[in-house]
Amino acid sequence: MNNSIKIVILFSGIAAFSLLGCGGGEPAEQTETVEETETETVDQGESTEVTPVAETGGANSAVDAIAIDVGTTVGELEVEEDQDWYVFSVEGGETFELTFAPGDEAEAISFDVLNGELDCIWYKSNVKPPVTQTFSYTTSAEAGGDYYVEVSQGQPGSYSIELSKQMQNDAGSGIDSGNSAVHAIEIAADESIEGEVGDLDESDWYMFEIPQGDIFTLTFAPGDNSEAIDIDLFDSELDNYWYNSNVQPGVTATKTVIMSSSSGDNYYAEVSDGKGDYTLEINLTSQNDAGIGTDAGDRAVDAVPVEPGNTYTGQLGDYDAHDWFSVEVAEGQSAGFTVIPGDDGEYLGVDIYDAEQDNLDYKRNLDAGMTCEMSLPDDAAAGTYYLELSGGQGSYSFVIE
């Protein structure tokens, strides 16, 4: 087959696709169809000068598509014309919006939007004046490129296409947050951030640092006009620690995590599998075990010294699985240990150790409403003794007398 015959076959194939259009039915390899949304066109602060193309004639295939940019383009389908084609470029992370309107004298016009592979992503057939149709589409940071508009009959008549584009601004960064932990945007604690997902932008990743011994609370909420969105929490090893799927507008998902005195690192949040805007916030508070303003040590060498006769409080949970305290016992003295789980306490373990860290007594699985009382042996030698509270979840109080 010579080159001239090949060229004829190639353009015949393109023409045949153009005549069918993606509004005539579901395309053979349609990867996703996006529902239309009725929204106001975003003001880009750029020229909205109307660009007429009717007098130059529209392009009748994607190969010859006329390039358009932000603003309004007007055209006309003559009786002998089947379609007009346009193309525009979108940067990765931008959201674009198209508003289509048939002219007042037109009977009905069909509009289609296609991606760079000419897969149909949206269509509306036989739009009649004065009806307008608006389509919004969000790309990801990794996926920009060309998009096409096909205007077809319908019946002949004039039409307008208004295009606006806006870069995402996830967490105030001026861009779309990356779709992996490697490209996560770092966010600060105690600040509420906003973002959006949808269409090609399937996930947004954020990274935040948690100090040792702190308590952090993740708070997530989709916007009122959003669809259900997923939220996932990952630890520093990117193991999934917690997730909440299909969080609906009007619902707030929260997760509180208690760190230990030896744990603290970078954590990650992934927002995914939904469409619309959302808010995300990480709040930090400090533990105050035995009034020290942080978490008690999680081994004997880091035990917090306490005084007999005083009542102390603390808490355990999540990564904070052990709190150690030490008390000095003088010659001829004994000591009694009273431990009470708080109203939210459960599964608390209590251990007493001597100076060599040999276990002298223990109790397990104390829940709210229970009291643990233990004493040193009558012949206990003077020196340092340890109280270990472990394995539980929630608050507790104790006194050594």
Protein backbone atom coordinates (compact mmCIF):
# COMPACT_ATOMS: atom_id res chain seq x y z
CA MET A 1 0.00 0.00 0.00
CA ASN A 2 1.55 3.37 -1.01
CA ASN A 3 1.74 6.41 1.32
CA SER A 4 -1.05 8.36 -0.41
CA ILE A 5 -3.52 5.48 0.11
CA LYS A 6 -2.50 5.21 3.80
CA ILE A 7 -3.16 8.93 4.34
CA VAL A 8 -6.61 8.64 2.75
CA ILE A 9 -7.51 5.71 5.03
CA LEU A 10 -6.25 7.54 8.15
CA PHE A 11 -8.29 10.66 7.51
CA SER A 12 -11.33 8.61 6.52
CA GLY A 13 -11.17 6.92 9.94
CA ILE A 14 -10.97 10.25 11.76
CA ALA A 15 -13.86 11.63 9.73
CA ALA A 16 -15.96 8.58 10.51
CA PHE A 17 -15.34 9.02 14.25
CA SER A 18 -16.18 12.71 14.00
CA LEU A 19 -19.48 12.00 12.30
CA LEU A 20 -20.49 9.60 15.03
CA GLY A 21 -19.52 11.92 17.91
CA CYS A 22 -19.47 10.77 21.53
CA GLY A 23 -22.98 12.04 22.15
CA GLY A 24 -24.55 9.44 19.94
CA GLY A 25 -24.15 6.74 22.58
CA GLU A 26 -21.60 5.32 24.99
CA PRO A 27 -18.11 5.27 23.38
CA ALA A 28 -16.50 1.87 22.87
CA GLU A 29 -13.67 2.53 25.34
CA GLN A 30 -15.12 5.18 27.59
CA THR A 31 -13.02 5.19 30.72
CA GLU A 32 -15.16 7.50 32.82
CA THR A 33 -18.25 9.64 32.41
CA VAL A 34 -18.56 12.78 34.46
CA GLU A 35 -21.93 14.17 35.42
CA GLU A 36 -22.68 17.74 34.53
CA THR A 37 -22.71 20.33 37.26
CA GLU A 38 -24.57 23.60 37.34
CA THR A 39 -22.03 26.07 38.67
CA GLU A 40 -20.98 29.61 37.99
CA THR A 41 -17.97 30.11 35.75
CA VAL A 42 -14.84 30.88 37.78
CA ASP A 43 -13.49 34.36 37.21
CA GLN A 44 -9.86 33.94 36.14
CA GLY A 45 -9.04 37.59 36.00
CA GLU A 46 -8.18 37.12 32.31
CA SER A 47 -9.72 38.51 29.15
CA THR A 48 -13.24 37.35 28.42
CA GLU A 49 -13.23 38.84 24.90
CA VAL A 50 -15.59 36.96 22.61
CA THR A 51 -13.74 35.17 19.79
CA PRO A 52 -15.93 34.69 16.69
CA VAL A 53 -15.06 31.74 14.48
CA ALA A 54 -18.21 31.36 12.39
CA GLU A 55 -16.94 33.51 9.52
CA THR A 56 -13.74 31.44 9.16
CA GLY A 57 -15.57 28.09 9.22
CA GLY A 58 -15.24 25.49 11.95
CA ALA A 59 -12.89 22.53 11.89
CA ASN A 60 -14.67 19.28 11.07
CA SER A 61 -12.26 16.87 12.83
CA ALA A 62 -9.99 16.64 15.88
CA VAL A 63 -6.94 16.81 13.60
CA ASP A 64 -7.95 20.31 12.47
CA ALA A 65 -9.42 21.48 15.80
CA ILE A 66 -9.28 25.23 16.43
CA ALA A 67 -7.28 26.21 19.53
CA ILE A 68 -9.20 28.21 22.13
CA ASP A 69 -8.31 29.62 25.54
CA VAL A 70 -9.99 31.26 28.51
CA GLY A 71 -12.93 33.37 27.40
CA THR A 72 -15.97 32.99 25.16
CA THR A 73 -15.88 31.55 21.66
CA VAL A 74 -18.86 31.84 19.31
CA GLY A 75 -19.53 29.81 16.19
CA GLU A 76 -22.24 28.57 13.92
CA LEU A 77 -23.19 25.23 12.40
CA GLU A 78 -24.40 25.81 8.86
CA VAL A 79 -26.93 23.53 7.24
CA GLU A 80 -24.20 21.63 5.40
CA GLU A 81 -21.92 21.31 8.47
CA ASP A 82 -22.01 18.28 10.75
CA GLN A 83 -19.60 19.40 13.50
CA ASP A 84 -17.07 21.96 14.71
CA TRP A 85 -14.00 20.93 16.74
CA TYR A 86 -11.97 22.91 19.29
CA VAL A 87 -8.93 22.10 21.43
CA PHE A 88 -7.52 23.69 24.58
CA SER A 89 -4.63 22.89 26.93
CA VAL A 90 -4.86 22.31 30.69
CA GLU A 91 -1.97 22.29 33.15
CA GLY A 92 -1.68 19.42 35.61
CA GLY A 93 -3.72 20.26 38.70
CA GLU A 94 -6.07 22.72 37.01
CA THR A 95 -9.84 22.56 37.11
CA PHE A 96 -11.51 23.69 33.91
CA GLU A 97 -15.12 24.65 33.35
CA LEU A 98 -17.03 24.84 30.07
CA THR A 99 -20.38 26.54 29.61
CA PHE A 100 -22.24 25.73 26.39
CA ALA A 101 -25.17 27.72 25.02
CA PRO A 102 -27.07 27.48 21.73
CA GLY A 103 -27.93 30.80 20.09
CA ASP A 104 -31.43 32.21 20.45
CA GLU A 105 -32.26 31.35 16.82
CA ALA A 106 -30.83 27.82 16.99
CA GLU A 107 -33.14 24.84 17.30
CA ALA A 108 -30.84 22.41 19.14
CA ILE A 109 -27.09 21.89 19.37
CA SER A 110 -25.12 18.93 20.80
CA PHE A 111 -21.91 19.34 22.79
CA ASP A 112 -19.22 16.77 23.61
CA VAL A 113 -15.98 16.95 25.65
CA LEU A 114 -13.15 14.50 24.96
CA ASN A 115 -9.74 13.90 26.53
CA GLY A 116 -6.41 13.77 24.71
CA GLU A 117 -7.04 10.16 23.65
CA LEU A 118 -10.41 11.24 22.20
CA ASP A 119 -12.31 9.30 24.85
CA CYS A 120 -15.64 10.96 25.59
CA ILE A 121 -15.83 12.23 29.17
CA TRP A 122 -19.09 14.18 28.91
CA TYR A 123 -21.79 14.93 26.37
CA LYS A 124 -25.15 16.65 26.13
CA SER A 125 -27.37 16.15 23.12
CA ASN A 126 -29.88 18.55 21.56
CA VAL A 127 -29.48 21.50 23.91
CA LYS A 128 -32.26 23.95 23.08
CA PRO A 129 -32.20 27.69 23.72
CA PRO A 130 -32.33 29.29 26.20
CA VAL A 131 -30.88 26.27 28.09
CA THR A 132 -27.18 26.32 28.94
CA GLN A 133 -25.06 23.38 30.13
CA THR A 134 -21.99 23.62 32.38
CA PHE A 135 -19.32 20.98 32.75
CA SER A 136 -16.48 21.06 35.31
CA TYR A 137 -13.48 18.72 35.37
CA THR A 138 -10.52 18.45 37.74
CA THR A 139 -7.09 17.19 36.69
CA SER A 140 -4.30 15.93 38.93
CA ALA A 141 -0.80 17.35 39.37
CA GLU A 142 0.50 14.52 37.20
CA ALA A 143 -2.09 14.76 34.41
CA GLY A 144 -2.39 17.83 32.22
CA GLY A 145 -2.73 17.95 28.46
CA ASP A 146 -5.12 18.72 25.63
CA TYR A 147 -8.90 18.42 25.70
CA TYR A 148 -11.36 18.67 22.83
CA VAL A 149 -14.83 20.08 22.32
CA GLU A 150 -17.05 18.78 19.54
CA VAL A 151 -20.11 20.83 18.61
CA SER A 152 -22.53 18.92 16.42
CA GLN A 153 -26.08 18.74 15.09
CA GLY A 154 -28.70 18.68 16.53
CA GLN A 155 -30.02 21.21 14.11
CA PRO A 156 -27.99 24.06 12.65
CA GLY A 157 -27.56 27.37 14.39
CA SER A 158 -25.17 29.54 16.38
CA TYR A 159 -23.63 28.67 19.75
CA SER A 160 -21.13 29.89 22.34
CA ILE A 161 -18.50 28.12 24.42
CA GLU A 162 -17.16 29.77 27.55
CA LEU A 163 -13.95 28.33 29.02
CA SER A 164 -12.42 29.07 32.41
CA LYS A 165 -9.45 27.42 34.15
CA GLN A 166 -8.23 27.58 37.73
CA MET A 167 -5.27 25.91 39.39
CA GLN A 168 -6.06 23.97 42.55
CA ASN A 169 -4.86 25.41 45.84
CA ASP A 170 -4.63 22.43 48.20
CA ALA A 171 -3.50 23.55 51.65
CA GLY A 172 -2.87 27.03 50.29
CA SER A 173 0.02 25.71 48.20
CA GLY A 174 -1.17 27.09 44.88
CA ILE A 175 -1.04 23.59 43.35
CA ASP A 176 -2.64 20.18 43.59
CA SER A 177 -1.28 17.98 46.38
CA GLY A 178 0.56 14.92 45.06
CA ASN A 179 -1.06 11.52 44.67
CA SER A 180 1.56 9.68 46.75
CA ALA A 181 3.43 10.06 50.03
CA VAL A 182 6.56 11.02 48.10
CA HIS A 183 4.77 14.11 46.76
CA ALA A 184 2.78 14.91 49.91
CA ILE A 185 2.38 18.55 50.96
CA GLU A 186 3.66 19.23 54.48
CA ILE A 187 1.07 20.87 56.71
CA ALA A 188 1.39 22.45 60.14
CA ALA A 189 -0.48 21.39 63.23
CA ASP A 190 -3.40 23.44 64.60
CA GLU A 191 -4.19 24.95 61.19
CA SER A 192 -7.25 24.03 59.13
CA ILE A 193 -6.42 23.42 55.47
CA GLU A 194 -8.70 23.12 52.45
CA GLY A 195 -8.40 21.07 49.28
CA GLU A 196 -10.36 19.32 46.58
CA VAL A 197 -10.41 15.97 44.78
CA GLY A 198 -12.36 14.59 41.85
CA ASP A 199 -12.19 13.25 38.32
CA LEU A 200 -8.49 12.66 37.47
CA ASP A 201 -7.43 14.00 40.86
CA GLU A 202 -8.15 10.79 42.74
CA SER A 203 -6.10 11.44 45.90
CA ASP A 204 -4.34 14.19 47.86
CA TRP A 205 -1.51 13.36 50.31
CA TYR A 206 -0.39 15.42 53.30
CA MET A 207 2.47 14.95 55.76
CA PHE A 208 2.65 16.32 59.32
CA GLU A 209 5.12 15.91 62.19
CA ILE A 210 4.02 14.64 65.60
CA PRO A 211 6.34 15.30 68.60
CA GLN A 212 7.14 12.56 71.11
CA GLY A 213 4.58 12.12 73.86
CA ASP A 214 1.94 14.34 72.25
CA ILE A 215 -1.68 13.55 71.47
CA PHE A 216 -2.92 14.44 68.01
CA THR A 217 -6.44 14.57 66.65
CA LEU A 218 -7.19 14.39 62.93
CA THR A 219 -10.44 16.08 61.91
CA PHE A 220 -11.82 15.70 58.37
CA ALA A 221 -15.01 16.96 56.74
CA PRO A 222 -16.23 17.07 53.10
CA GLY A 223 -17.73 20.32 51.90
CA ASP A 224 -21.49 20.74 51.84
CA ASN A 225 -21.62 20.38 48.03
CA SER A 226 -19.19 17.46 47.84
CA GLU A 227 -19.81 13.78 47.33
CA ALA A 228 -18.66 11.17 49.87
CA ILE A 229 -14.86 11.19 50.34
CA ASP A 230 -12.42 8.75 52.00
CA ILE A 231 -9.80 9.67 54.60
CA ASP A 232 -6.83 7.45 55.57
CA LEU A 233 -4.14 7.88 58.24
CA PHE A 234 -0.68 6.32 57.74
CA ASP A 235 2.23 6.03 60.16
CA SER A 236 5.86 6.82 59.35
CA GLU A 237 6.28 3.39 57.75
CA LEU A 238 3.24 4.06 55.53
CA ASP A 239 1.24 1.37 57.28
CA ASN A 240 -2.44 2.20 57.36
CA TYR A 241 -3.31 3.07 60.97
CA TRP A 242 -6.94 4.18 60.50
CA TYR A 243 -9.42 4.96 57.76
CA ASN A 244 -12.98 6.15 57.31
CA SER A 245 -14.64 5.46 53.97
CA ASN A 246 -17.43 7.41 52.28
CA VAL A 247 -17.54 10.33 54.69
CA GLN A 248 -20.70 12.19 53.71
CA PRO A 249 -21.20 15.96 53.59
CA GLY A 250 -22.38 17.14 56.98
CA VAL A 251 -20.38 14.39 58.72
CA THR A 252 -17.07 15.00 60.51
CA ALA A 253 -14.60 12.12 60.89
CA THR A 254 -12.10 12.30 63.77
CA LYS A 255 -9.29 10.13 65.06
CA THR A 256 -7.21 10.74 68.20
CA VAL A 257 -3.81 9.06 68.64
CA ILE A 258 -1.68 9.08 71.81
CA MET A 259 2.08 8.98 71.31
CA SER A 260 4.56 7.69 73.89
CA SER A 261 7.63 9.41 75.29
CA SER A 262 9.73 7.47 72.79
CA SER A 263 7.46 7.70 69.75
CA GLY A 264 6.86 10.60 67.43
CA ASP A 265 7.52 10.98 63.73
CA ASN A 266 6.04 12.02 60.41
CA TYR A 267 2.51 10.85 59.72
CA TYR A 268 0.48 11.01 56.52
CA ALA A 269 -3.14 11.66 55.59
CA GLU A 270 -4.61 10.64 52.24
CA VAL A 271 -7.87 12.14 50.96
CA SER A 272 -9.28 10.08 48.10
CA ASP A 273 -12.09 8.50 46.11
CA GLY A 274 -14.62 11.28 46.08
CA LYS A 275 -15.45 14.56 44.41
CA GLY A 276 -15.52 18.04 45.87
CA ASP A 277 -13.84 20.20 48.44
CA TYR A 278 -12.91 19.27 52.01
CA THR A 279 -11.23 20.54 55.18
CA LEU A 280 -8.52 18.76 57.16
CA GLU A 281 -7.01 19.71 60.51
CA ILE A 282 -4.38 18.21 62.83
CA ASN A 283 -4.55 19.38 66.46
CA LEU A 284 -1.85 18.69 69.06
CA THR A 285 -2.11 18.52 72.85
CA SER A 286 0.48 17.47 75.42
CA GLN A 287 0.08 14.67 77.91
CA ASN A 288 0.47 15.60 81.56
CA ASP A 289 1.22 12.35 83.38
CA ALA A 290 1.80 13.04 87.08
CA GLY A 291 1.81 16.79 86.34
CA ILE A 292 5.08 16.74 84.37
CA GLY A 293 3.56 18.28 81.20
CA THR A 294 4.37 15.30 78.99
CA ASP A 295 4.19 11.50 78.85
CA ALA A 296 5.73 9.43 81.66
CA GLY A 297 8.66 7.28 80.59
CA ASP A 298 7.94 3.88 79.05
CA ARG A 299 10.73 2.05 80.97
CA ALA A 300 12.15 2.06 84.47
CA VAL A 301 15.20 4.14 83.62
CA ASP A 302 12.84 6.95 82.52
CA ALA A 303 10.39 6.59 85.43
CA VAL A 304 8.83 9.76 86.86
CA PRO A 305 9.62 10.24 90.61
CA VAL A 306 6.50 10.71 92.75
CA GLU A 307 5.95 11.48 96.43
CA PRO A 308 3.96 9.32 98.90
CA GLY A 309 0.58 10.71 99.90
CA ASN A 310 -0.08 12.62 96.67
CA THR A 311 -2.68 11.61 94.08
CA TYR A 312 -1.45 11.57 90.50
CA THR A 313 -3.24 11.16 87.16
CA GLY A 314 -2.23 10.10 83.66
CA GLN A 315 -3.41 8.28 80.57
CA LEU A 316 -2.50 5.40 78.28
CA GLY A 317 -3.49 4.30 74.79
CA ASP A 318 -2.41 3.73 71.20
CA TYR A 319 1.41 4.00 71.04
CA ASP A 320 1.60 4.95 74.73
CA ALA A 321 1.48 1.43 76.20
CA HIS A 322 3.58 1.95 79.38
CA ASP A 323 3.89 4.63 82.07
CA TRP A 324 6.55 4.18 84.76
CA PHE A 325 6.79 5.90 88.15
CA SER A 326 9.30 5.56 91.01
CA VAL A 327 9.02 6.11 94.77
CA GLU A 328 11.66 6.11 97.50
CA VAL A 329 10.90 4.00 100.61
CA ALA A 330 12.87 4.67 103.79
CA GLU A 331 14.17 2.05 106.23
CA GLY A 332 11.36 0.54 108.30
CA GLN A 333 8.63 1.92 106.04
CA SER A 334 6.16 0.08 103.87
CA ALA A 335 4.09 1.35 100.98
CA GLY A 336 0.58 0.75 99.66
CA PHE A 337 -0.32 1.36 96.02
CA THR A 338 -3.89 2.27 95.05
CA VAL A 339 -4.71 2.53 91.31
CA ILE A 340 -8.12 3.48 89.91
CA PRO A 341 -8.97 3.53 86.17
CA GLY A 342 -10.88 6.60 84.98
CA ASP A 343 -14.41 6.48 83.61
CA ASP A 344 -12.92 5.90 80.16
CA GLY A 345 -10.33 3.40 81.40
CA GLU A 346 -10.22 -0.24 80.36
CA TYR A 347 -7.84 -3.20 80.39
CA LEU A 348 -5.35 -1.47 82.69
CA GLY A 349 -2.41 -3.52 83.99
CA VAL A 350 -0.57 -2.70 87.25
CA ASP A 351 2.91 -3.98 88.24
CA ILE A 352 5.18 -3.28 91.22
CA TYR A 353 8.95 -3.80 90.96
CA ASP A 354 11.86 -3.55 93.38
CA ALA A 355 15.12 -1.72 92.72
CA GLU A 356 16.43 -4.65 90.62
CA GLN A 357 13.22 -4.50 88.59
CA ASP A 358 12.07 -7.87 89.86
CA ASN A 359 8.29 -8.11 89.78
CA LEU A 360 6.74 -8.16 93.25
CA ASP A 361 3.03 -8.17 92.37
CA TYR A 362 0.67 -7.46 89.48
CA LYS A 363 -2.98 -7.09 88.46
CA ARG A 364 -4.50 -7.23 84.98
CA ASN A 365 -7.52 -5.99 83.04
CA LEU A 366 -8.78 -3.29 85.39
CA ASP A 367 -11.76 -1.43 83.95
CA ALA A 368 -13.66 1.67 85.00
CA GLY A 369 -15.23 1.26 88.44
CA MET A 370 -12.54 -1.15 89.70
CA THR A 371 -9.86 -0.38 92.27
CA CYS A 372 -6.47 -2.09 92.59
CA GLU A 373 -4.71 -2.14 95.98
CA MET A 374 -1.27 -3.67 96.49
CA SER A 375 1.42 -3.34 99.18
CA LEU A 376 5.12 -3.97 99.56
CA PRO A 377 6.13 -6.92 101.76
CA ASP A 378 6.55 -6.10 105.45
CA ASP A 379 10.23 -6.90 105.24
CA ALA A 380 10.81 -4.78 102.12
CA ALA A 381 14.23 -3.13 102.14
CA ALA A 382 14.67 0.59 101.89
CA GLY A 383 15.27 1.92 98.38
CA THR A 384 13.60 2.66 95.07
CA TYR A 385 10.42 0.91 93.98
CA TYR A 386 8.61 1.17 90.68
CA LEU A 387 4.97 1.32 89.62
CA GLU A 388 4.24 0.40 85.99
CA LEU A 389 0.83 1.05 84.45
CA SER A 390 0.41 -0.62 81.08
CA GLY A 391 -1.66 -2.19 78.37
CA GLY A 392 -4.78 -0.13 78.89
CA GLN A 393 -6.73 2.60 77.18
CA GLY A 394 -7.90 5.74 78.91
CA SER A 395 -7.15 7.73 82.05
CA TYR A 396 -6.14 6.58 85.52
CA SER A 397 -5.23 7.92 88.97
CA PHE A 398 -3.00 6.50 91.70
CA VAL A 399 -1.67 7.24 95.16
CA ILE A 400 1.19 5.66 97.13
CA GLU A 401 0.87 5.74 100.89
